[in-house]
C-alpha cells in the first residue's frame, strides 16, 4: 500500500507542476465557427459559435487582413498592418527586442 501511495503522490506532484505549463500554451489558431475575444485585462477567451451566433457576428464583423499585428498597451488593444520600414526591415521585425 505504501508503494501505491508513493506512486499516487508522485503523479499528483507531476500534474501540479505540469498544469501551469499547459495553461500557458494557448493556441492562437481558430477553426471555422470559433471565436476569440481579448478583454481589457488582456485575457483571451475562446468560444464555439452556433448558427445564430454566426449569423449575428457576420452582420458586424469585418475581415482581418494577413499581416495584422495586435498590440495591448495601457488596457487598450491596438492593431497595425505589417509593412516595410526604413532599413529594409518589416514592422514585425522591429517589434522583437534584442537585449
Foldseek 3Di string as FASTA:
>chain_A
DVVVVVVVVVVVVVCVVCVVVVVVPDDPDDDPQKDWDQALVRDIDIDGHDDVRVVVCVVPDDDDDPQWDWDHDPSDIDIDHWDQDPPRDIPVVVVDDDD
